[in-house]
Amino acid sequence: MLKIIGFVGIFVCTIGGFLVAGGKMYIITGVVLHALPGESIIILGCAIMAFFIANTPHTIKATVGYLGKMFKPEAHPKEDYLEMISVMYSIFKLARTKGWLALESHIEEPHD
């Protein structure tokens, strides 16, 4: 879900920045949309080639491998994150009320 919001945010920020800079809305529908395919090829092509120039082959392969993971579902469900946050809250609350040394017994005997 956040990835979709990110992609939408890119377009909103781009068009919003154009309008804030003094661009007219009718220019977006006419000139900008007409130039969009060519400009996209230029901008994306230059960005990708600059990435190839600036990185090692290992980094490029790892990045390409991670691109497929962008469209897969999340690795951990929401409940796991909520449980982790609640455990962290308990730890910090104990440390704040009884001090950091109170955590030592929990670390040494985690089953109790």
PDB file of N, CA and C in Angstrom:
ATOM      1  N   MET A   1       0.824  -1.194   0.000  1.00  0.00           N
ATOM      2  CA  MET A   1       0.000   0.000   0.000  1.00  0.00           C
ATOM      3  C   MET A   1       0.870   1.260   0.000  1.00  0.00           C
ATOM      4  N   LEU A   2       1.941   1.241   0.812  1.00  0.00           N
ATOM      5  CA  LEU A   2       2.814   2.412   0.873  1.00  0.00           C
ATOM      6  C   LEU A   2       3.536   2.648  -0.447  1.00  0.00           C
ATOM      7  N   LYS A   3       3.790   1.573  -1.170  1.00  0.00           N
ATOM      8  CA  LYS A   3       4.468   1.717  -2.452  1.00  0.00           C
ATOM      9  C   LYS A   3       3.569   2.441  -3.454  1.00  0.00           C
ATOM     10  N   ILE A   4       2.288   2.101  -3.432  1.00  0.00           N
ATOM     11  CA  ILE A   4       1.337   2.777  -4.319  1.00  0.00           C
ATOM     12  C   ILE A   4       1.236   4.247  -3.942  1.00  0.00           C
ATOM     13  N   ILE A   5       1.179   4.516  -2.655  1.00  0.00           N
ATOM     14  CA  ILE A   5       1.137   5.907  -2.192  1.00  0.00           C
ATOM     15  C   ILE A   5       2.390   6.642  -2.633  1.00  0.00           C
ATOM     16  N   GLY A   6       3.540   5.969  -2.590  1.00  0.00           N
ATOM     17  CA  GLY A   6       4.790   6.586  -3.038  1.00  0.00           C
ATOM     18  C   GLY A   6       4.760   6.945  -4.514  1.00  0.00           C
ATOM     19  N   PHE A   7       4.274   6.005  -5.347  1.00  0.00           N
ATOM     20  CA  PHE A   7       4.190   6.290  -6.780  1.00  0.00           C
ATOM     21  C   PHE A   7       3.228   7.443  -7.063  1.00  0.00           C
ATOM     22  N   VAL A   8       2.086   7.460  -6.396  1.00  0.00           N
ATOM     23  CA  VAL A   8       1.125   8.552  -6.582  1.00  0.00           C
ATOM     24  C   VAL A   8       1.741   9.855  -6.086  1.00  0.00           C
ATOM     25  N   GLY A   9       2.474   9.778  -4.967  1.00  0.00           N
ATOM     26  CA  GLY A   9       3.111  10.968  -4.424  1.00  0.00           C
ATOM     27  C   GLY A   9       4.117  11.593  -5.372  1.00  0.00           C
ATOM     28  N   ILE A  10       4.812  10.761  -6.131  1.00  0.00           N
ATOM     29  CA  ILE A  10       5.759  11.293  -7.115  1.00  0.00           C
ATOM     30  C   ILE A  10       5.038  12.172  -8.121  1.00  0.00           C
ATOM     31  N   PHE A  11       3.936  11.679  -8.649  1.00  0.00           N
ATOM     32  CA  PHE A  11       3.203  12.458  -9.647  1.00  0.00           C
ATOM     33  C   PHE A  11       2.559  13.701  -9.039  1.00  0.00           C
ATOM     34  N   VAL A  12       2.027  13.570  -7.834  1.00  0.00           N
ATOM     35  CA  VAL A  12       1.415  14.725  -7.176  1.00  0.00           C
ATOM     36  C   VAL A  12       2.467  15.802  -6.908  1.00  0.00           C
ATOM     37  N   CYS A  13       3.644  15.404  -6.416  1.00  0.00           N
ATOM     38  CA  CYS A  13       4.699  16.375  -6.135  1.00  0.00           C
ATOM     39  C   CYS A  13       5.223  17.015  -7.417  1.00  0.00           C
ATOM     40  N   THR A  14       5.344  16.222  -8.471  1.00  0.00           N
ATOM     41  CA  THR A  14       5.832  16.771  -9.732  1.00  0.00           C
ATOM     42  C   THR A  14       4.859  17.798 -10.301  1.00  0.00           C
ATOM     43  N   ILE A  15       3.602  17.427 -10.384  1.00  0.00           N
ATOM     44  CA  ILE A  15       2.599  18.354 -10.929  1.00  0.00           C
ATOM     45  C   ILE A  15       2.392  19.529  -9.974  1.00  0.00           C
ATOM     46  N   GLY A  16       2.380  19.255  -8.659  1.00  0.00           N
ATOM     47  CA  GLY A  16       2.241  20.338  -7.683  1.00  0.00           C
ATOM     48  C   GLY A  16       3.399  21.312  -7.747  1.00  0.00           C
ATOM     49  N   GLY A  17       4.619  20.800  -7.905  1.00  0.00           N
ATOM     50  CA  GLY A  17       5.783  21.678  -8.040  1.00  0.00           C
ATOM     51  C   GLY A  17       5.705  22.520  -9.295  1.00  0.00           C
ATOM     52  N   PHE A  18       5.212  21.926 -10.371  1.00  0.00           N
ATOM     53  CA  PHE A  18       5.031  22.666 -11.610  1.00  0.00           C
ATOM     54  C   PHE A  18       4.033  23.808 -11.415  1.00  0.00           C
ATOM     55  N   LEU A  19       2.933  23.537 -10.724  1.00  0.00           N
ATOM     56  CA  LEU A  19       1.919  24.571 -10.498  1.00  0.00           C
ATOM     57  C   LEU A  19       2.419  25.651  -9.535  1.00  0.00           C
ATOM     58  N   VAL A  20       3.170  25.253  -8.494  1.00  0.00           N
ATOM     59  CA  VAL A  20       3.708  26.224  -7.540  1.00  0.00           C
ATOM     60  C   VAL A  20       4.726  27.132  -8.225  1.00  0.00           C
ATOM     61  N   ALA A  21       5.471  26.591  -9.170  1.00  0.00           N
ATOM     62  CA  ALA A  21       6.479  27.378  -9.876  1.00  0.00           C
ATOM     63  C   ALA A  21       5.869  28.330 -10.892  1.00  0.00           C
ATOM     64  N   GLY A  22       4.555  28.351 -10.995  1.00  0.00           N
ATOM     65  CA  GLY A  22       3.904  29.293 -11.895  1.00  0.00           C
ATOM     66  C   GLY A  22       3.348  28.660 -13.153  1.00  0.00           C
ATOM     67  N   GLY A  23       3.383  27.343 -13.255  1.00  0.00           N
ATOM     68  CA  GLY A  23       2.828  26.663 -14.424  1.00  0.00           C
ATOM     69  C   GLY A  23       1.318  26.750 -14.437  1.00  0.00           C
ATOM     70  N   LYS A  24       0.751  26.712 -15.601  1.00  0.00           N
ATOM     71  CA  LYS A  24      -0.708  26.777 -15.750  1.00  0.00           C
ATOM     72  C   LYS A  24      -1.268  25.371 -15.947  1.00  0.00           C
ATOM     73  N   MET A  25      -2.454  25.144 -15.431  1.00  0.00           N
ATOM     74  CA  MET A  25      -3.065  23.819 -15.504  1.00  0.00           C
ATOM     75  C   MET A  25      -3.311  23.391 -16.943  1.00  0.00           C
ATOM     76  N   TYR A  26      -3.681  24.302 -17.820  1.00  0.00           N
ATOM     77  CA  TYR A  26      -3.938  23.917 -19.207  1.00  0.00           C
ATOM     78  C   TYR A  26      -2.659  23.491 -19.916  1.00  0.00           C
ATOM     79  N   ILE A  27      -1.507  23.951 -19.407  1.00  0.00           N
ATOM     80  CA  ILE A  27      -0.227  23.525 -19.990  1.00  0.00           C
ATOM     81  C   ILE A  27       0.028  22.058 -19.648  1.00  0.00           C
ATOM     82  N   ILE A  28      -0.384  21.638 -18.446  1.00  0.00           N
ATOM     83  CA  ILE A  28      -0.184  20.246 -18.044  1.00  0.00           C
ATOM     84  C   ILE A  28      -0.929  19.312 -18.996  1.00  0.00           C
ATOM     85  N   THR A  29      -2.167  19.641 -19.284  1.00  0.00           N
ATOM     86  CA  THR A  29      -2.958  18.746 -20.132  1.00  0.00           C
ATOM     87  C   THR A  29      -2.512  18.811 -21.583  1.00  0.00           C
ATOM     88  N   GLY A  30      -1.953  19.913 -21.993  1.00  0.00           N
ATOM     89  CA  GLY A  30      -1.538  20.038 -23.379  1.00  0.00           C
ATOM     90  C   GLY A  30      -0.084  19.716 -23.606  1.00  0.00           C
ATOM     91  N   VAL A  31       0.766  20.630 -23.241  1.00  0.00           N
ATOM     92  CA  VAL A  31       2.191  20.530 -23.551  1.00  0.00           C
ATOM     93  C   VAL A  31       2.871  19.427 -22.745  1.00  0.00           C
ATOM     94  N   VAL A  32       2.640  19.365 -21.451  1.00  0.00           N
ATOM     95  CA  VAL A  32       3.347  18.415 -20.604  1.00  0.00           C
ATOM     96  C   VAL A  32       2.964  16.981 -20.949  1.00  0.00           C
ATOM     97  N   LEU A  33       1.685  16.707 -21.087  1.00  0.00           N
ATOM     98  CA  LEU A  33       1.270  15.343 -21.421  1.00  0.00           C
ATOM     99  C   LEU A  33       1.712  14.955 -22.825  1.00  0.00           C
ATOM    100  N   HIS A  34       1.802  15.913 -23.719  1.00  0.00           N
ATOM    101  CA  HIS A  34       2.273  15.631 -25.071  1.00  0.00           C
ATOM    102  C   HIS A  34       3.765  15.267 -25.059  1.00  0.00           C
ATOM    103  N   ALA A  35       4.548  15.913 -24.210  1.00  0.00           N
ATOM    104  CA  ALA A  35       5.985  15.672 -24.143  1.00  0.00           C
ATOM    105  C   ALA A  35       6.354  14.552 -23.172  1.00  0.00           C
ATOM    106  N   LEU A  36       5.393  14.037 -22.438  1.00  0.00           N
ATOM    107  CA  LEU A  36       5.667  13.059 -21.388  1.00  0.00           C
ATOM    108  C   LEU A  36       6.405  11.814 -21.864  1.00  0.00           C
ATOM    109  N   PRO A  37       6.013  11.156 -22.944  1.00  0.00           N
ATOM    110  CA  PRO A  37       6.746   9.931 -23.326  1.00  0.00           C
ATOM    111  C   PRO A  37       8.221  10.195 -23.632  1.00  0.00           C
ATOM    112  N   GLY A  38       8.502  11.198 -24.410  1.00  0.00           N
ATOM    113  CA  GLY A  38       9.894  11.498 -24.751  1.00  0.00           C
ATOM    114  C   GLY A  38      10.702  11.949 -23.553  1.00  0.00           C
ATOM    115  N   GLU A  39      10.133  12.815 -22.743  1.00  0.00           N
ATOM    116  CA  GLU A  39      10.825  13.299 -21.545  1.00  0.00           C
ATOM    117  C   GLU A  39      11.070  12.163 -20.554  1.00  0.00           C
ATOM    118  N   SER A  40      10.113  11.259 -20.439  1.00  0.00           N
ATOM    119  CA  SER A  40      10.285  10.118 -19.530  1.00  0.00           C
ATOM    120  C   SER A  40      11.451   9.245 -19.959  1.00  0.00           C
ATOM    121  N   ILE A  41      11.574   9.010 -21.271  1.00  0.00           N
ATOM    122  CA  ILE A  41      12.686   8.208 -21.770  1.00  0.00           C
ATOM    123  C   ILE A  41      14.011   8.902 -21.474  1.00  0.00           C
ATOM    124  N   ILE A  42      14.062  10.190 -21.689  1.00  0.00           N
ATOM    125  CA  ILE A  42      15.300  10.934 -21.438  1.00  0.00           C
ATOM    126  C   ILE A  42      15.665  10.898 -19.958  1.00  0.00           C
ATOM    127  N   ILE A  43      14.720  11.234 -19.089  1.00  0.00           N
ATOM    128  CA  ILE A  43      15.006  11.319 -17.652  1.00  0.00           C
ATOM    129  C   ILE A  43      15.316   9.950 -17.071  1.00  0.00           C
ATOM    130  N   LEU A  44      14.469   8.960 -17.347  1.00  0.00           N
ATOM    131  CA  LEU A  44      14.712   7.621 -16.809  1.00  0.00           C
ATOM    132  C   LEU A  44      15.976   7.006 -17.392  1.00  0.00           C
ATOM    133  N   GLY A  45      16.206   7.196 -18.680  1.00  0.00           N
ATOM    134  CA  GLY A  45      17.410   6.658 -19.308  1.00  0.00           C
ATOM    135  C   GLY A  45      18.672   7.236 -18.702  1.00  0.00           C
ATOM    136  N   CYS A  46      18.700   8.539 -18.513  1.00  0.00           N
ATOM    137  CA  CYS A  46      19.871   9.177 -17.902  1.00  0.00           C
ATOM    138  C   CYS A  46      20.056   8.725 -16.456  1.00  0.00           C
ATOM    139  N   ALA A  47      18.965   8.593 -15.713  1.00  0.00           N
ATOM    140  CA  ALA A  47      19.068   8.152 -14.322  1.00  0.00           C
ATOM    141  C   ALA A  47      19.601   6.723 -14.241  1.00  0.00           C
ATOM    142  N   ILE A  48      19.106   5.848 -15.096  1.00  0.00           N
ATOM    143  CA  ILE A  48      19.553   4.453 -15.073  1.00  0.00           C
ATOM    144  C   ILE A  48      21.013   4.348 -15.493  1.00  0.00           C
ATOM    145  N   MET A  49      21.398   5.057 -16.541  1.00  0.00           N
ATOM    146  CA  MET A  49      22.792   5.005 -16.987  1.00  0.00           C
ATOM    147  C   MET A  49      23.745   5.605 -15.953  1.00  0.00           C
ATOM    148  N   ALA A  50      23.318   6.679 -15.273  1.00  0.00           N
ATOM    149  CA  ALA A  50      24.139   7.252 -14.203  1.00  0.00           C
ATOM    150  C   ALA A  50      24.288   6.255 -13.052  1.00  0.00           C
ATOM    151  N   PHE A  51      23.233   5.510 -12.781  1.00  0.00           N
ATOM    152  CA  PHE A  51      23.300   4.465 -11.756  1.00  0.00           C
ATOM    153  C   PHE A  51      24.309   3.391 -12.148  1.00  0.00           C
ATOM    154  N   PHE A  52      24.299   2.990 -13.420  1.00  0.00           N
ATOM    155  CA  PHE A  52      25.263   1.994 -13.900  1.00  0.00           C
ATOM    156  C   PHE A  52      26.697   2.501 -13.784  1.00  0.00           C
ATOM    157  N   ILE A  53      26.907   3.755 -14.112  1.00  0.00           N
ATOM    158  CA  ILE A  53      28.254   4.324 -14.051  1.00  0.00           C
ATOM    159  C   ILE A  53      28.751   4.419 -12.609  1.00  0.00           C
ATOM    160  N   ALA A  54      27.863   4.790 -11.687  1.00  0.00           N
ATOM    161  CA  ALA A  54      28.264   5.094 -10.317  1.00  0.00           C
ATOM    162  C   ALA A  54      28.418   3.871  -9.420  1.00  0.00           C
ATOM    163  N   ASN A  55      27.936   2.689  -9.845  1.00  0.00           N
ATOM    164  CA  ASN A  55      27.929   1.533  -8.947  1.00  0.00           C
ATOM    165  C   ASN A  55      28.699   0.357  -9.521  1.00  0.00           C
ATOM    166  N   THR A  56      29.054  -0.548  -8.609  1.00  0.00           N
ATOM    167  CA  THR A  56      29.764  -1.757  -9.007  1.00  0.00           C
ATOM    168  C   THR A  56      28.774  -2.769  -9.583  1.00  0.00           C
ATOM    169  N   PRO A  57      29.268  -3.757 -10.342  1.00  0.00           N
ATOM    170  CA  PRO A  57      28.371  -4.790 -10.870  1.00  0.00           C
ATOM    171  C   PRO A  57      27.611  -5.541  -9.770  1.00  0.00           C
ATOM    172  N   HIS A  58      28.262  -5.757  -8.640  1.00  0.00           N
ATOM    173  CA  HIS A  58      27.586  -6.444  -7.529  1.00  0.00           C
ATOM    174  C   HIS A  58      26.382  -5.634  -7.037  1.00  0.00           C
ATOM    175  N   THR A  59      26.559  -4.333  -6.887  1.00  0.00           N
ATOM    176  CA  THR A  59      25.467  -3.469  -6.430  1.00  0.00           C
ATOM    177  C   THR A  59      24.340  -3.424  -7.449  1.00  0.00           C
ATOM    178  N   ILE A  60      24.682  -3.376  -8.717  1.00  0.00           N
ATOM    179  CA  ILE A  60      23.668  -3.337  -9.773  1.00  0.00           C
ATOM    180  C   ILE A  60      22.848  -4.623  -9.762  1.00  0.00           C
ATOM    181  N   LYS A  61      23.508  -5.776  -9.645  1.00  0.00           N
ATOM    182  CA  LYS A  61      22.794  -7.055  -9.614  1.00  0.00           C
ATOM    183  C   LYS A  61      21.900  -7.152  -8.390  1.00  0.00           C
ATOM    184  N   ALA A  62      22.395  -6.698  -7.251  1.00  0.00           N
ATOM    185  CA  ALA A  62      21.586  -6.739  -6.027  1.00  0.00           C
ATOM    186  C   ALA A  62      20.366  -5.831  -6.145  1.00  0.00           C
ATOM    187  N   THR A  63      20.547  -4.672  -6.741  1.00  0.00           N
ATOM    188  CA  THR A  63      19.430  -3.739  -6.910  1.00  0.00           C
ATOM    189  C   THR A  63      18.375  -4.319  -7.838  1.00  0.00           C
ATOM    190  N   VAL A  64      18.803  -4.904  -8.939  1.00  0.00           N
ATOM    191  CA  VAL A  64      17.851  -5.513  -9.876  1.00  0.00           C
ATOM    192  C   VAL A  64      17.107  -6.655  -9.181  1.00  0.00           C
ATOM    193  N   GLY A  65      17.807  -7.405  -8.340  1.00  0.00           N
ATOM    194  CA  GLY A  65      17.151  -8.470  -7.583  1.00  0.00           C
ATOM    195  C   GLY A  65      16.094  -7.952  -6.628  1.00  0.00           C
ATOM    196  N   TYR A  66      16.344  -6.788  -6.039  1.00  0.00           N
ATOM    197  CA  TYR A  66      15.390  -6.206  -5.095  1.00  0.00           C
ATOM    198  C   TYR A  66      14.202  -5.536  -5.782  1.00  0.00           C
ATOM    199  N   LEU A  67      14.326  -5.196  -7.047  1.00  0.00           N
ATOM    200  CA  LEU A  67      13.217  -4.537  -7.740  1.00  0.00           C
ATOM    201  C   LEU A  67      11.977  -5.427  -7.786  1.00  0.00           C
ATOM    202  N   GLY A  68      12.173  -6.732  -7.956  1.00  0.00           N
ATOM    203  CA  GLY A  68      11.040  -7.648  -7.969  1.00  0.00           C
ATOM    204  C   GLY A  68      10.336  -7.728  -6.638  1.00  0.00           C
ATOM    205  N   LYS A  69      11.068  -7.501  -5.553  1.00  0.00           N
ATOM    206  CA  LYS A  69      10.474  -7.565  -4.216  1.00  0.00           C
ATOM    207  C   LYS A  69       9.575  -6.374  -3.921  1.00  0.00           C
ATOM    208  N   MET A  70       9.687  -5.327  -4.712  1.00  0.00           N
ATOM    209  CA  MET A  70       8.828  -4.159  -4.490  1.00  0.00           C
ATOM    210  C   MET A  70       7.359  -4.495  -4.688  1.00  0.00           C
ATOM    211  N   PHE A  71       7.081  -5.440  -5.562  1.00  0.00           N
ATOM    212  CA  PHE A  71       5.701  -5.732  -5.914  1.00  0.00           C
ATOM    213  C   PHE A  71       5.165  -6.975  -5.221  1.00  0.00           C
ATOM    214  N   LYS A  72       5.969  -7.591  -4.355  1.00  0.00           N
ATOM    215  CA  LYS A  72       5.524  -8.746  -3.590  1.00  0.00           C
ATOM    216  C   LYS A  72       4.877  -8.255  -2.295  1.00  0.00           C
ATOM    217  N   PRO A  73       4.049  -9.098  -1.686  1.00  0.00           N
ATOM    218  CA  PRO A  73       3.455  -8.681  -0.414  1.00  0.00           C
ATOM    219  C   PRO A  73       4.520  -8.547   0.671  1.00  0.00           C
ATOM    220  N   GLU A  74       4.154  -7.882   1.725  1.00  0.00           N
ATOM    221  CA  GLU A  74       5.084  -7.634   2.819  1.00  0.00           C
ATOM    222  C   GLU A  74       5.573  -8.950   3.422  1.00  0.00           C
ATOM    223  N   ALA A  75       6.811  -8.960   3.904  1.00  0.00           N
ATOM    224  CA  ALA A  75       7.402 -10.177   4.466  1.00  0.00           C
ATOM    225  C   ALA A  75       6.802 -10.524   5.823  1.00  0.00           C
ATOM    226  N   HIS A  76       6.408  -9.513   6.592  1.00  0.00           N
ATOM    227  CA  HIS A  76       5.864  -9.752   7.924  1.00  0.00           C
ATOM    228  C   HIS A  76       4.494  -9.087   8.015  1.00  0.00           C
ATOM    229  N   PRO A  77       3.536  -9.751   8.641  1.00  0.00           N
ATOM    230  CA  PRO A  77       2.200  -9.147   8.772  1.00  0.00           C
ATOM    231  C   PRO A  77       2.196  -8.006   9.792  1.00  0.00           C
ATOM    232  N   LYS A  78       1.147  -7.268   9.776  1.00  0.00           N
ATOM    233  CA  LYS A  78       1.004  -6.104  10.649  1.00  0.00           C
ATOM    234  C   LYS A  78       1.062  -6.498  12.126  1.00  0.00           C
ATOM    235  N   GLU A  79       0.539  -7.674  12.456  1.00  0.00           N
ATOM    236  CA  GLU A  79       0.524  -8.115  13.846  1.00  0.00           C
ATOM    237  C   GLU A  79       1.943  -8.271  14.405  1.00  0.00           C
ATOM    238  N   ASP A  80       2.882  -8.719  13.570  1.00  0.00           N
ATOM    239  CA  ASP A  80       4.264  -8.847  14.025  1.00  0.00           C
ATOM    240  C   ASP A  80       4.849  -7.493  14.417  1.00  0.00           C
ATOM    241  N   TYR A  81       4.570  -6.479  13.622  1.00  0.00           N
ATOM    242  CA  TYR A  81       5.070  -5.140  13.925  1.00  0.00           C
ATOM    243  C   TYR A  81       4.422  -4.595  15.196  1.00  0.00           C
ATOM    244  N   LEU A  82       3.133  -4.832  15.357  1.00  0.00           N
ATOM    245  CA  LEU A  82       2.462  -4.359  16.567  1.00  0.00           C
ATOM    246  C   LEU A  82       3.006  -5.054  17.812  1.00  0.00           C
ATOM    247  N   GLU A  83       3.293  -6.362  17.701  1.00  0.00           N
ATOM    248  CA  GLU A  83       3.872  -7.077  18.831  1.00  0.00           C
ATOM    249  C   GLU A  83       5.257  -6.535  19.177  1.00  0.00           C
ATOM    250  N   MET A  84       6.054  -6.253  18.162  1.00  0.00           N
ATOM    251  CA  MET A  84       7.396  -5.722  18.399  1.00  0.00           C
ATOM    252  C   MET A  84       7.322  -4.348  19.072  1.00  0.00           C
ATOM    253  N   ILE A  85       6.412  -3.509  18.628  1.00  0.00           N
ATOM    254  CA  ILE A  85       6.269  -2.182  19.227  1.00  0.00           C
ATOM    255  C   ILE A  85       5.808  -2.297  20.681  1.00  0.00           C
ATOM    256  N   SER A  86       4.909  -3.240  20.968  1.00  0.00           N
ATOM    257  CA  SER A  86       4.442  -3.394  22.350  1.00  0.00           C
ATOM    258  C   SER A  86       5.555  -3.917  23.258  1.00  0.00           C
ATOM    259  N   VAL A  87       6.403  -4.816  22.752  1.00  0.00           N
ATOM    260  CA  VAL A  87       7.538  -5.298  23.543  1.00  0.00           C
ATOM    261  C   VAL A  87       8.518  -4.154  23.807  1.00  0.00           C
ATOM    262  N   MET A  88       8.793  -3.356  22.792  1.00  0.00           N
ATOM    263  CA  MET A  88       9.692  -2.219  22.978  1.00  0.00           C
ATOM    264  C   MET A  88       9.120  -1.233  24.001  1.00  0.00           C
ATOM    265  N   TYR A  89       7.809  -1.012  23.952  1.00  0.00           N
ATOM    266  CA  TYR A  89       7.169  -0.131  24.919  1.00  0.00           C
ATOM    267  C   TYR A  89       7.358  -0.671  26.334  1.00  0.00           C
ATOM    268  N   SER A  90       7.171  -1.983  26.500  1.00  0.00           N
ATOM    269  CA  SER A  90       7.335  -2.588  27.832  1.00  0.00           C
ATOM    270  C   SER A  90       8.762  -2.435  28.333  1.00  0.00           C
ATOM    271  N   ILE A  91       9.721  -2.659  27.453  1.00  0.00           N
ATOM    272  CA  ILE A  91      11.127  -2.537  27.842  1.00  0.00           C
ATOM    273  C   ILE A  91      11.459  -1.108  28.256  1.00  0.00           C
ATOM    274  N   PHE A  92      11.058  -0.141  27.451  1.00  0.00           N
ATOM    275  CA  PHE A  92      11.375   1.250  27.766  1.00  0.00           C
ATOM    276  C   PHE A  92      10.631   1.746  29.008  1.00  0.00           C
ATOM    277  N   LYS A  93       9.415   1.250  29.217  1.00  0.00           N
ATOM    278  CA  LYS A  93       8.674   1.640  30.411  1.00  0.00           C
ATOM    279  C   LYS A  93       9.357   1.091  31.660  1.00  0.00           C
ATOM    280  N   LEU A  94       9.814  -0.178  31.592  1.00  0.00           N
ATOM    281  CA  LEU A  94      10.538  -0.770  32.718  1.00  0.00           C
ATOM    282  C   LEU A  94      11.836  -0.018  32.981  1.00  0.00           C
ATOM    283  N   ALA A  95      12.555   0.322  31.919  1.00  0.00           N
ATOM    284  CA  ALA A  95      13.823   1.046  32.085  1.00  0.00           C
ATOM    285  C   ALA A  95      13.587   2.441  32.666  1.00  0.00           C
ATOM    286  N   ARG A  96      12.498   3.076  32.276  1.00  0.00           N
ATOM    287  CA  ARG A  96      12.223   4.426  32.770  1.00  0.00           C
ATOM    288  C   ARG A  96      11.786   4.412  34.230  1.00  0.00           C
ATOM    289  N   THR A  97      10.989   3.405  34.627  1.00  0.00           N
ATOM    290  CA  THR A  97      10.484   3.389  36.000  1.00  0.00           C
ATOM    291  C   THR A  97      11.476   2.797  36.989  1.00  0.00           C
ATOM    292  N   LYS A  98      12.163   1.703  36.616  1.00  0.00           N
ATOM    293  CA  LYS A  98      13.044   1.010  37.562  1.00  0.00           C
ATOM    294  C   LYS A  98      14.515   1.128  37.216  1.00  0.00           C
ATOM    295  N   GLY A  99      14.826   1.752  36.101  1.00  0.00           N
ATOM    296  CA  GLY A  99      16.220   1.928  35.712  1.00  0.00           C
ATOM    297  C   GLY A  99      16.677   0.843  34.751  1.00  0.00           C
ATOM    298  N   TRP A 100      17.794   1.139  34.082  1.00  0.00           N
ATOM    299  CA  TRP A 100      18.303   0.229  33.066  1.00  0.00           C
ATOM    300  C   TRP A 100      18.799  -1.087  33.662  1.00  0.00           C
ATOM    301  N   LEU A 101      19.242  -1.072  34.911  1.00  0.00           N
ATOM    302  CA  LEU A 101      19.730  -2.306  35.538  1.00  0.00           C
ATOM    303  C   LEU A 101      18.612  -3.304  35.780  1.00  0.00           C
ATOM    304  N   ALA A 102      17.383  -2.856  35.827  1.00  0.00           N
ATOM    305  CA  ALA A 102      16.254  -3.760  36.011  1.00  0.00           C
ATOM    306  C   ALA A 102      16.083  -4.679  34.804  1.00  0.00           C
ATOM    307  N   LEU A 103      16.612  -4.291  33.665  1.00  0.00           N
ATOM    308  CA  LEU A 103      16.515  -5.120  32.465  1.00  0.00           C
ATOM    309  C   LEU A 103      17.472  -6.306  32.505  1.00  0.00           C
ATOM    310  N   GLU A 104      18.487  -6.240  33.358  1.00  0.00           N
ATOM    311  CA  GLU A 104      19.510  -7.289  33.393  1.00  0.00           C
ATOM    312  C   GLU A 104      18.913  -8.647  33.733  1.00  0.00           C
ATOM    313  N   SER A 105      17.995  -8.689  34.680  1.00  0.00           N
ATOM    314  CA  SER A 105      17.394  -9.976  35.055  1.00  0.00           C
ATOM    315  C   SER A 105      16.569 -10.548  33.906  1.00  0.00           C
ATOM    316  N   HIS A 106      15.944  -9.693  33.119  1.00  0.00           N
ATOM    317  CA  HIS A 106      15.161 -10.154  31.964  1.00  0.00           C
ATOM    318  C   HIS A 106      16.077 -10.695  30.863  1.00  0.00           C
ATOM    319  N   ILE A 107      17.238 -10.102  30.734  1.00  0.00           N
ATOM    320  CA  ILE A 107      18.173 -10.552  29.705  1.00  0.00           C
ATOM    321  C   ILE A 107      18.812 -11.877  30.101  1.00  0.00           C
ATOM    322  N   GLU A 108      19.168 -12.012  31.370  1.00  0.00           N
ATOM    323  CA  GLU A 108      19.814 -13.235  31.822  1.00  0.00           C
ATOM    324  C   GLU A 108      18.858 -14.408  31.876  1.00  0.00           C
ATOM    325  N   GLU A 109      17.591 -14.179  32.203  1.00  0.00           N
ATOM    326  CA  GLU A 109      16.576 -15.233  32.295  1.00  0.00           C
ATOM    327  C   GLU A 109      15.371 -14.849  31.455  1.00  0.00           C
ATOM    328  N   PRO A 110      15.450 -14.978  30.136  1.00  0.00           N
ATOM    329  CA  PRO A 110      14.354 -14.526  29.295  1.00  0.00           C
ATOM    330  C   PRO A 110      13.089 -15.368  29.405  1.00  0.00           C
ATOM    331  N   HIS A 111      13.215 -16.616  29.864  1.00  0.00           N
ATOM    332  CA  HIS A 111      12.033 -17.485  29.963  1.00  0.00           C
ATOM    333  C   HIS A 111      11.151 -17.123  31.142  1.00  0.00           C
ATOM    334  N   ASP A 112      11.734 -16.479  32.148  1.00  0.00           N
ATOM    335  CA  ASP A 112      10.966 -16.080  33.332  1.00  0.00           C
ATOM    336  C   ASP A 112      10.373 -14.739  33.062  1.00  0.00           C
TER     337      ASP A 112
END
